[in-house]
């Protein structure tokens, strides 16, 4: 599996870019999965639902399944947060995994940037290009934040998938 990240500070446009890239790249015939890092506690079920009641009762894992999807919830309690590598090992094989967040990990990334946020660039050595709503002088490729097809071309080329479906 090839891995490519989308990073940036809050309100930089990461999630929108991820959504557009998944749509664009999968429409080209590639299989795509995503990993999203959350810096806060999150929940996929709700108080009163059966799966919530199972976890509240002490279940270590709860697998919720239907004919359309399944979700495996694993309680971490006092364990350390799993690494990106450990999480990737839980995914079924696909052509490309797009990762939102995990900006300190070593996989290649594109950085989303909106000028109005006033945030500095991350721009470390793992950032191969930028998707921005303004001009940047960074010595690396800079794409318009909404140039999804061009960004997808760059990502697919950077991971060596560009030629597969030609």
N, C-alpha and C. Protein backbone atom coordinates (compact mmCIF):
# COMPACT_ATOMS: atom_id res chain seq x y z
N UNK A 1 0.84 -1.18 0.00
CA UNK A 1 0.00 0.00 0.00
C UNK A 1 0.88 1.24 0.00
N UNK A 2 0.48 2.20 -0.79
CA UNK A 2 1.15 3.50 -0.81
C UNK A 2 0.46 4.40 0.20
N UNK A 3 1.23 5.28 0.82
CA UNK A 3 0.70 6.17 1.85
C UNK A 3 1.06 7.60 1.52
N UNK A 4 0.09 8.50 1.65
CA UNK A 4 0.34 9.92 1.42
C UNK A 4 -0.48 10.73 2.41
N UNK A 5 0.13 11.74 2.98
CA UNK A 5 -0.54 12.52 4.00
C UNK A 5 -1.01 13.88 3.53
N UNK A 6 -2.01 14.39 4.23
CA UNK A 6 -2.48 15.76 4.08
C UNK A 6 -2.38 16.37 5.47
N UNK A 7 -1.55 17.40 5.59
CA UNK A 7 -1.34 18.05 6.88
C UNK A 7 -1.62 19.54 6.77
N UNK A 8 -1.65 20.19 7.91
CA UNK A 8 -1.87 21.63 7.97
C UNK A 8 -2.47 21.95 9.33
N UNK A 9 -2.47 23.20 9.67
CA UNK A 9 -3.03 23.63 10.93
C UNK A 9 -4.56 23.68 10.84
N UNK A 10 -5.21 23.92 11.95
CA UNK A 10 -6.67 24.00 12.00
C UNK A 10 -7.20 25.01 10.98
N UNK A 11 -8.28 24.64 10.32
CA UNK A 11 -8.96 25.46 9.31
C UNK A 11 -8.12 25.73 8.06
N UNK A 12 -7.14 24.86 7.80
CA UNK A 12 -6.30 25.03 6.61
C UNK A 12 -6.94 24.44 5.36
N UNK A 13 -7.97 23.63 5.52
CA UNK A 13 -8.62 23.00 4.37
C UNK A 13 -8.26 21.53 4.19
N UNK A 14 -7.73 20.90 5.21
CA UNK A 14 -7.30 19.50 5.12
C UNK A 14 -8.45 18.55 4.78
N UNK A 15 -9.53 18.64 5.54
CA UNK A 15 -10.61 17.69 5.37
C UNK A 15 -11.28 17.84 4.00
N UNK A 16 -11.49 19.05 3.57
CA UNK A 16 -12.06 19.26 2.24
C UNK A 16 -11.15 18.73 1.15
N UNK A 17 -9.85 18.96 1.30
CA UNK A 17 -8.89 18.44 0.33
C UNK A 17 -8.89 16.92 0.34
N UNK A 18 -8.92 16.32 1.52
CA UNK A 18 -8.99 14.85 1.62
C UNK A 18 -10.22 14.33 0.89
N UNK A 19 -11.36 14.93 1.17
CA UNK A 19 -12.61 14.48 0.55
C UNK A 19 -12.52 14.55 -0.97
N UNK A 20 -12.01 15.67 -1.48
CA UNK A 20 -11.91 15.81 -2.94
C UNK A 20 -10.89 14.84 -3.53
N UNK A 21 -9.77 14.61 -2.83
CA UNK A 21 -8.77 13.67 -3.33
C UNK A 21 -9.29 12.24 -3.35
N UNK A 22 -10.01 11.84 -2.31
CA UNK A 22 -10.59 10.49 -2.29
C UNK A 22 -11.52 10.33 -3.49
N UNK A 23 -12.38 11.30 -3.72
CA UNK A 23 -13.32 11.23 -4.83
C UNK A 23 -12.59 11.19 -6.18
N UNK A 24 -11.63 12.07 -6.35
CA UNK A 24 -10.89 12.16 -7.61
C UNK A 24 -10.08 10.89 -7.89
N UNK A 25 -9.33 10.44 -6.91
CA UNK A 25 -8.45 9.29 -7.12
C UNK A 25 -9.25 8.01 -7.27
N UNK A 26 -10.29 7.84 -6.48
CA UNK A 26 -11.11 6.63 -6.62
C UNK A 26 -11.87 6.64 -7.95
N UNK A 27 -12.24 7.82 -8.46
CA UNK A 27 -12.93 7.88 -9.75
C UNK A 27 -12.00 7.48 -10.90
N UNK A 28 -10.71 7.48 -10.65
CA UNK A 28 -9.73 7.05 -11.65
C UNK A 28 -9.48 5.54 -11.60
N UNK A 29 -10.17 4.84 -10.73
CA UNK A 29 -10.06 3.39 -10.66
C UNK A 29 -9.13 2.86 -9.59
N UNK A 30 -8.59 3.72 -8.76
CA UNK A 30 -7.72 3.29 -7.67
C UNK A 30 -8.56 3.03 -6.42
N UNK A 31 -8.14 2.05 -5.63
CA UNK A 31 -8.80 1.84 -4.34
C UNK A 31 -8.10 2.73 -3.30
N UNK A 32 -8.91 3.41 -2.50
CA UNK A 32 -8.40 4.40 -1.55
C UNK A 32 -9.03 4.16 -0.18
N UNK A 33 -8.21 4.21 0.86
CA UNK A 33 -8.69 4.22 2.23
C UNK A 33 -8.13 5.46 2.90
N UNK A 34 -8.70 5.81 4.04
CA UNK A 34 -8.22 6.99 4.76
C UNK A 34 -7.99 6.67 6.23
N UNK A 35 -7.09 7.44 6.82
CA UNK A 35 -6.86 7.44 8.26
C UNK A 35 -6.93 8.88 8.69
N UNK A 36 -7.67 9.17 9.74
CA UNK A 36 -7.82 10.53 10.26
C UNK A 36 -7.38 10.53 11.71
N UNK A 37 -6.42 11.37 12.04
CA UNK A 37 -5.98 11.49 13.42
C UNK A 37 -6.82 12.55 14.13
N UNK A 38 -7.32 12.19 15.30
CA UNK A 38 -8.09 13.13 16.11
C UNK A 38 -7.28 13.46 17.36
N UNK A 39 -7.16 14.74 17.66
CA UNK A 39 -6.41 15.17 18.83
C UNK A 39 -7.28 15.18 20.08
N UNK A 40 -8.49 14.71 19.97
CA UNK A 40 -9.42 14.77 21.08
C UNK A 40 -10.16 13.45 21.18
N UNK A 41 -10.85 13.26 22.25
CA UNK A 41 -11.67 12.07 22.39
C UNK A 41 -12.82 12.14 21.39
N UNK A 42 -13.15 11.01 20.83
CA UNK A 42 -14.27 10.98 19.89
C UNK A 42 -15.06 9.70 20.15
N UNK A 43 -16.27 9.65 19.65
CA UNK A 43 -17.09 8.47 19.79
C UNK A 43 -17.90 8.29 18.53
N UNK A 44 -18.09 7.03 18.14
CA UNK A 44 -18.89 6.75 16.96
C UNK A 44 -20.27 6.20 17.31
N UNK A 45 -20.48 5.97 18.59
CA UNK A 45 -21.83 5.59 18.99
C UNK A 45 -22.30 6.52 20.10
N UNK A 46 -23.52 6.31 20.55
CA UNK A 46 -24.14 7.29 21.44
C UNK A 46 -24.76 6.62 22.66
N UNK A 47 -24.87 7.39 23.72
CA UNK A 47 -25.48 6.91 24.96
C UNK A 47 -26.83 6.29 24.65
N UNK A 48 -27.04 5.12 25.21
CA UNK A 48 -28.32 4.44 25.03
C UNK A 48 -28.32 3.41 23.91
N UNK A 49 -27.42 3.54 22.94
CA UNK A 49 -27.35 2.56 21.86
C UNK A 49 -26.74 1.27 22.39
N UNK A 50 -27.08 0.14 21.76
CA UNK A 50 -26.59 -1.15 22.23
C UNK A 50 -25.07 -1.21 22.27
N UNK A 51 -24.42 -0.74 21.23
CA UNK A 51 -22.95 -0.80 21.18
C UNK A 51 -22.33 0.03 22.30
N UNK A 52 -22.91 1.18 22.60
CA UNK A 52 -22.44 2.01 23.71
C UNK A 52 -22.60 1.26 25.03
N UNK A 53 -23.73 0.60 25.19
CA UNK A 53 -23.99 -0.15 26.42
C UNK A 53 -22.99 -1.29 26.58
N UNK A 54 -22.62 -1.92 25.48
CA UNK A 54 -21.63 -3.00 25.55
C UNK A 54 -20.29 -2.46 26.04
N UNK A 55 -19.86 -1.32 25.48
CA UNK A 55 -18.58 -0.72 25.89
C UNK A 55 -18.65 -0.26 27.34
N UNK A 56 -19.75 0.38 27.71
CA UNK A 56 -19.90 0.87 29.08
C UNK A 56 -19.87 -0.28 30.09
N UNK A 57 -20.32 -1.45 29.66
CA UNK A 57 -20.31 -2.63 30.53
C UNK A 57 -18.91 -3.22 30.68
N UNK A 58 -17.98 -2.78 29.82
CA UNK A 58 -16.60 -3.23 29.96
C UNK A 58 -16.04 -4.01 28.79
N UNK A 59 -16.76 -4.10 27.69
CA UNK A 59 -16.23 -4.82 26.52
C UNK A 59 -14.96 -4.13 26.01
N UNK A 60 -13.94 -4.88 25.75
CA UNK A 60 -12.67 -4.34 25.24
C UNK A 60 -12.81 -3.93 23.77
N UNK A 61 -13.52 -4.75 23.00
CA UNK A 61 -13.81 -4.41 21.60
C UNK A 61 -15.29 -4.64 21.35
N UNK A 62 -15.86 -3.79 20.51
CA UNK A 62 -17.23 -3.94 20.06
C UNK A 62 -17.20 -3.80 18.54
N UNK A 63 -17.69 -4.81 17.86
CA UNK A 63 -17.78 -4.76 16.41
C UNK A 63 -19.25 -4.58 16.06
N UNK A 64 -19.55 -3.46 15.43
CA UNK A 64 -20.90 -3.12 15.03
C UNK A 64 -21.00 -3.38 13.53
N UNK A 65 -21.95 -4.22 13.12
CA UNK A 65 -22.00 -4.63 11.72
C UNK A 65 -23.42 -4.58 11.16
N UNK A 66 -23.48 -4.24 9.88
CA UNK A 66 -24.73 -4.32 9.13
C UNK A 66 -24.37 -4.80 7.73
N UNK A 67 -25.36 -4.87 6.86
CA UNK A 67 -25.06 -5.30 5.50
C UNK A 67 -24.29 -4.24 4.71
N UNK A 68 -24.25 -2.99 5.19
CA UNK A 68 -23.58 -1.91 4.47
C UNK A 68 -22.17 -1.59 4.97
N UNK A 69 -21.88 -1.86 6.26
CA UNK A 69 -20.57 -1.51 6.81
C UNK A 69 -20.39 -2.16 8.16
N UNK A 70 -19.14 -2.13 8.63
CA UNK A 70 -18.89 -2.51 10.01
C UNK A 70 -17.91 -1.53 10.61
N UNK A 71 -17.97 -1.40 11.92
CA UNK A 71 -17.05 -0.54 12.66
C UNK A 71 -16.56 -1.32 13.86
N UNK A 72 -15.25 -1.36 14.03
CA UNK A 72 -14.66 -2.01 15.19
C UNK A 72 -14.17 -0.94 16.15
N UNK A 73 -14.73 -0.94 17.34
CA UNK A 73 -14.30 0.01 18.36
C UNK A 73 -13.45 -0.74 19.36
N UNK A 74 -12.25 -0.23 19.61
CA UNK A 74 -11.31 -0.86 20.53
C UNK A 74 -10.98 0.15 21.62
N UNK A 75 -11.31 -0.19 22.85
CA UNK A 75 -11.03 0.69 23.97
C UNK A 75 -9.56 0.60 24.34
N UNK A 76 -8.91 1.75 24.48
CA UNK A 76 -7.48 1.77 24.77
C UNK A 76 -7.17 1.84 26.25
N UNK A 77 -8.05 2.28 27.07
CA UNK A 77 -7.87 2.46 28.51
C UNK A 77 -6.51 3.09 28.81
N UNK A 78 -5.63 2.38 29.44
CA UNK A 78 -4.35 2.96 29.83
C UNK A 78 -3.23 2.71 28.81
N UNK A 79 -3.56 2.11 27.67
CA UNK A 79 -2.56 1.83 26.64
C UNK A 79 -2.12 3.12 25.96
N UNK A 80 -0.96 3.06 25.38
CA UNK A 80 -0.50 4.17 24.56
C UNK A 80 -1.32 4.22 23.28
N UNK A 81 -1.42 5.41 22.71
CA UNK A 81 -2.10 5.57 21.43
C UNK A 81 -1.35 4.75 20.38
N UNK A 82 -2.06 3.99 19.55
CA UNK A 82 -1.38 3.21 18.51
C UNK A 82 -0.65 4.12 17.53
N UNK A 83 0.45 3.63 17.00
CA UNK A 83 1.20 4.38 16.00
C UNK A 83 0.46 4.30 14.66
N UNK A 84 0.81 5.20 13.77
CA UNK A 84 0.24 5.14 12.43
C UNK A 84 0.55 3.80 11.78
N UNK A 85 1.75 3.32 11.94
CA UNK A 85 2.13 2.03 11.35
C UNK A 85 1.25 0.90 11.87
N UNK A 86 0.96 0.89 13.16
CA UNK A 86 0.08 -0.13 13.73
C UNK A 86 -1.33 -0.02 13.16
N UNK A 87 -1.82 1.19 13.01
CA UNK A 87 -3.16 1.39 12.47
C UNK A 87 -3.24 0.99 11.00
N UNK A 88 -2.20 1.30 10.24
CA UNK A 88 -2.18 0.91 8.82
C UNK A 88 -2.24 -0.60 8.67
N UNK A 89 -1.64 -1.32 9.63
CA UNK A 89 -1.67 -2.77 9.60
C UNK A 89 -3.06 -3.35 9.79
N UNK A 90 -3.99 -2.57 10.26
CA UNK A 90 -5.36 -3.02 10.46
C UNK A 90 -6.23 -2.85 9.22
N UNK A 91 -5.72 -2.11 8.24
CA UNK A 91 -6.50 -1.85 7.03
C UNK A 91 -6.36 -2.97 6.02
N UNK A 92 -7.42 -3.21 5.27
CA UNK A 92 -7.34 -4.13 4.14
C UNK A 92 -6.48 -3.47 3.06
N UNK A 93 -5.76 -4.26 2.27
CA UNK A 93 -4.90 -3.69 1.23
C UNK A 93 -5.70 -2.85 0.21
N UNK A 94 -5.14 -1.71 -0.13
CA UNK A 94 -5.67 -0.82 -1.16
C UNK A 94 -4.50 -0.23 -1.92
N UNK A 95 -4.79 0.49 -3.00
CA UNK A 95 -3.73 1.14 -3.75
C UNK A 95 -3.10 2.28 -2.97
N UNK A 96 -3.94 3.09 -2.31
CA UNK A 96 -3.45 4.29 -1.65
C UNK A 96 -4.21 4.54 -0.36
N UNK A 97 -3.46 4.84 0.70
CA UNK A 97 -4.06 5.29 1.95
C UNK A 97 -3.72 6.77 2.10
N UNK A 98 -4.76 7.60 2.18
CA UNK A 98 -4.58 9.02 2.45
C UNK A 98 -4.73 9.24 3.94
N UNK A 99 -3.77 9.94 4.53
CA UNK A 99 -3.70 10.13 5.97
C UNK A 99 -3.87 11.60 6.29
N UNK A 100 -4.91 11.93 7.06
CA UNK A 100 -5.10 13.31 7.50
C UNK A 100 -4.54 13.44 8.92
N UNK A 101 -3.57 14.31 9.06
CA UNK A 101 -2.91 14.46 10.34
C UNK A 101 -1.60 13.69 10.37
N UNK A 102 -1.18 13.30 11.55
CA UNK A 102 0.09 12.60 11.73
C UNK A 102 1.23 13.39 11.09
N UNK A 103 1.24 14.70 11.34
CA UNK A 103 2.21 15.58 10.67
C UNK A 103 3.65 15.30 11.07
N UNK A 104 3.88 14.63 12.20
CA UNK A 104 5.25 14.36 12.63
C UNK A 104 5.79 13.03 12.11
N UNK A 105 4.94 12.22 11.50
CA UNK A 105 5.39 10.95 10.94
C UNK A 105 6.16 11.19 9.64
N UNK A 106 6.84 10.18 9.18
CA UNK A 106 7.82 10.34 8.09
C UNK A 106 7.30 10.07 6.68
N UNK A 107 6.03 9.77 6.51
CA UNK A 107 5.49 9.53 5.17
C UNK A 107 5.43 10.85 4.38
N UNK A 108 5.39 10.79 3.04
CA UNK A 108 5.29 12.01 2.25
C UNK A 108 3.93 12.68 2.42
N UNK A 109 3.95 14.01 2.34
CA UNK A 109 2.73 14.78 2.61
C UNK A 109 2.59 15.97 1.68
N UNK A 110 1.35 16.43 1.59
CA UNK A 110 1.06 17.72 0.98
C UNK A 110 0.47 18.57 2.11
N UNK A 111 0.88 19.82 2.17
CA UNK A 111 0.40 20.70 3.24
C UNK A 111 -0.68 21.63 2.71
N UNK A 112 -1.83 21.61 3.38
CA UNK A 112 -2.91 22.55 3.06
C UNK A 112 -2.67 23.83 3.85
N UNK A 113 -2.91 24.97 3.19
CA UNK A 113 -2.65 26.25 3.84
C UNK A 113 -3.65 27.30 3.35
N UNK A 114 -4.27 27.98 4.30
CA UNK A 114 -5.13 29.13 4.01
C UNK A 114 -4.50 30.36 4.64
N UNK A 115 -4.32 31.38 3.85
CA UNK A 115 -3.66 32.60 4.31
C UNK A 115 -4.41 33.25 5.47
N UNK A 116 -5.73 33.23 5.43
CA UNK A 116 -6.54 33.92 6.44
C UNK A 116 -6.33 33.39 7.86
N UNK A 117 -5.82 32.17 8.00
CA UNK A 117 -5.61 31.61 9.34
C UNK A 117 -4.42 32.26 10.04
N UNK A 118 -3.47 32.78 9.26
CA UNK A 118 -2.28 33.40 9.84
C UNK A 118 -1.29 32.41 10.42
N UNK A 119 -1.52 31.14 10.20
CA UNK A 119 -0.62 30.12 10.74
C UNK A 119 0.66 30.01 9.91
N UNK A 120 1.76 29.67 10.55
CA UNK A 120 2.99 29.44 9.79
C UNK A 120 2.89 28.12 9.04
N UNK A 121 3.76 27.93 8.09
CA UNK A 121 3.81 26.66 7.38
C UNK A 121 4.51 25.61 8.24
N UNK A 122 4.11 24.37 8.07
CA UNK A 122 4.82 23.25 8.71
C UNK A 122 6.12 23.04 7.93
N UNK A 123 5.99 22.84 6.63
CA UNK A 123 7.09 22.84 5.67
C UNK A 123 8.32 22.05 6.07
N UNK A 124 8.14 20.93 6.79
CA UNK A 124 9.32 20.12 7.10
C UNK A 124 9.71 19.29 5.87
N UNK A 125 10.73 18.46 6.01
CA UNK A 125 11.27 17.72 4.87
C UNK A 125 10.29 16.71 4.29
N UNK A 126 9.27 16.30 5.06
CA UNK A 126 8.31 15.32 4.54
C UNK A 126 7.23 15.97 3.68
N UNK A 127 7.11 17.29 3.75
CA UNK A 127 6.12 18.00 2.94
C UNK A 127 6.69 18.18 1.53
N UNK A 128 6.07 17.49 0.57
CA UNK A 128 6.57 17.49 -0.80
C UNK A 128 5.99 18.62 -1.64
N UNK A 129 4.81 19.12 -1.23
CA UNK A 129 4.13 20.17 -1.99
C UNK A 129 3.12 20.86 -1.08
N UNK A 130 2.54 21.93 -1.61
CA UNK A 130 1.57 22.73 -0.86
C UNK A 130 0.32 22.92 -1.69
N UNK A 131 -0.82 22.95 -1.01
CA UNK A 131 -2.10 23.29 -1.61
C UNK A 131 -2.58 24.52 -0.85
N UNK A 132 -2.57 25.67 -1.50
CA UNK A 132 -2.79 26.92 -0.79
C UNK A 132 -3.75 27.83 -1.55
N UNK A 133 -4.30 28.80 -0.81
CA UNK A 133 -5.17 29.80 -1.42
C UNK A 133 -4.42 31.10 -1.68
N UNK A 134 -3.09 31.03 -1.65
CA UNK A 134 -2.26 32.21 -1.88
C UNK A 134 -0.93 31.77 -2.49
N UNK A 135 -0.17 32.70 -2.98
CA UNK A 135 1.15 32.39 -3.51
C UNK A 135 2.10 32.09 -2.35
N UNK A 136 2.96 31.11 -2.54
CA UNK A 136 3.97 30.77 -1.54
C UNK A 136 5.32 30.65 -2.24
N UNK A 137 6.35 31.15 -1.61
CA UNK A 137 7.71 31.03 -2.13
C UNK A 137 8.44 30.02 -1.25
N UNK A 138 8.33 28.74 -1.61
CA UNK A 138 8.82 27.68 -0.74
C UNK A 138 9.80 26.72 -1.40
N UNK A 139 10.07 26.89 -2.68
CA UNK A 139 11.01 26.00 -3.35
C UNK A 139 10.48 24.60 -3.60
N UNK A 140 9.19 24.41 -3.47
CA UNK A 140 8.51 23.14 -3.75
C UNK A 140 7.23 23.46 -4.51
N UNK A 141 6.65 22.47 -5.15
CA UNK A 141 5.41 22.74 -5.90
C UNK A 141 4.32 23.32 -5.01
N UNK A 142 3.60 24.31 -5.57
CA UNK A 142 2.46 24.92 -4.88
C UNK A 142 1.27 24.85 -5.84
N UNK A 143 0.19 24.25 -5.37
CA UNK A 143 -1.03 24.12 -6.14
C UNK A 143 -2.12 24.97 -5.52
N UNK A 144 -3.03 25.43 -6.34
CA UNK A 144 -4.22 26.07 -5.80
C UNK A 144 -4.94 25.03 -4.95
N UNK A 145 -5.43 25.44 -3.80
CA UNK A 145 -6.09 24.54 -2.86
C UNK A 145 -7.24 23.77 -3.51
N UNK A 146 -7.86 24.34 -4.53
CA UNK A 146 -9.00 23.69 -5.19
C UNK A 146 -8.66 23.00 -6.50
N UNK A 147 -7.37 22.89 -6.82
CA UNK A 147 -6.94 22.24 -8.06
C UNK A 147 -6.81 20.73 -7.82
N UNK A 148 -7.92 20.10 -7.51
CA UNK A 148 -7.92 18.72 -7.07
C UNK A 148 -7.29 17.76 -8.07
N UNK A 149 -7.63 17.89 -9.34
CA UNK A 149 -7.08 16.96 -10.34
C UNK A 149 -5.56 17.09 -10.44
N UNK A 150 -5.05 18.30 -10.39
CA UNK A 150 -3.59 18.50 -10.45
C UNK A 150 -2.91 17.96 -9.19
N UNK A 151 -3.53 18.17 -8.05
CA UNK A 151 -2.96 17.64 -6.80
C UNK A 151 -2.98 16.11 -6.84
N UNK A 152 -4.07 15.53 -7.31
CA UNK A 152 -4.15 14.07 -7.43
C UNK A 152 -3.07 13.55 -8.38
N UNK A 153 -2.86 14.23 -9.51
CA UNK A 153 -1.78 13.85 -10.44
C UNK A 153 -0.44 13.83 -9.72
N UNK A 154 -0.18 14.87 -8.93
CA UNK A 154 1.09 14.97 -8.21
C UNK A 154 1.24 13.83 -7.20
N UNK A 155 0.21 13.59 -6.41
CA UNK A 155 0.26 12.54 -5.39
C UNK A 155 0.48 11.18 -6.04
N UNK A 156 -0.30 10.86 -7.05
CA UNK A 156 -0.18 9.57 -7.72
C UNK A 156 1.20 9.39 -8.35
N UNK A 157 1.73 10.45 -8.92
CA UNK A 157 3.08 10.39 -9.49
C UNK A 157 4.12 10.20 -8.39
N UNK A 158 3.97 10.93 -7.29
CA UNK A 158 4.94 10.88 -6.19
C UNK A 158 5.01 9.50 -5.56
N UNK A 159 3.91 8.75 -5.53
CA UNK A 159 3.93 7.41 -4.94
C UNK A 159 4.13 6.31 -5.98
N UNK A 160 4.26 6.69 -7.25
CA UNK A 160 4.52 5.70 -8.30
C UNK A 160 3.29 5.00 -8.83
N UNK A 161 2.12 5.60 -8.68
CA UNK A 161 0.89 4.98 -9.18
C UNK A 161 0.39 5.61 -10.48
N UNK A 162 0.99 6.68 -10.91
CA UNK A 162 0.45 7.45 -12.03
C UNK A 162 0.35 6.65 -13.31
N UNK A 163 1.24 5.74 -13.52
CA UNK A 163 1.27 5.01 -14.79
C UNK A 163 0.38 3.77 -14.81
N UNK A 164 -0.09 3.32 -13.65
CA UNK A 164 -0.77 2.04 -13.56
C UNK A 164 -2.00 1.93 -14.44
N UNK A 165 -2.83 2.95 -14.48
CA UNK A 165 -4.09 2.85 -15.22
C UNK A 165 -4.06 3.55 -16.57
N UNK A 166 -2.90 3.96 -17.02
CA UNK A 166 -2.80 4.68 -18.29
C UNK A 166 -3.05 3.75 -19.44
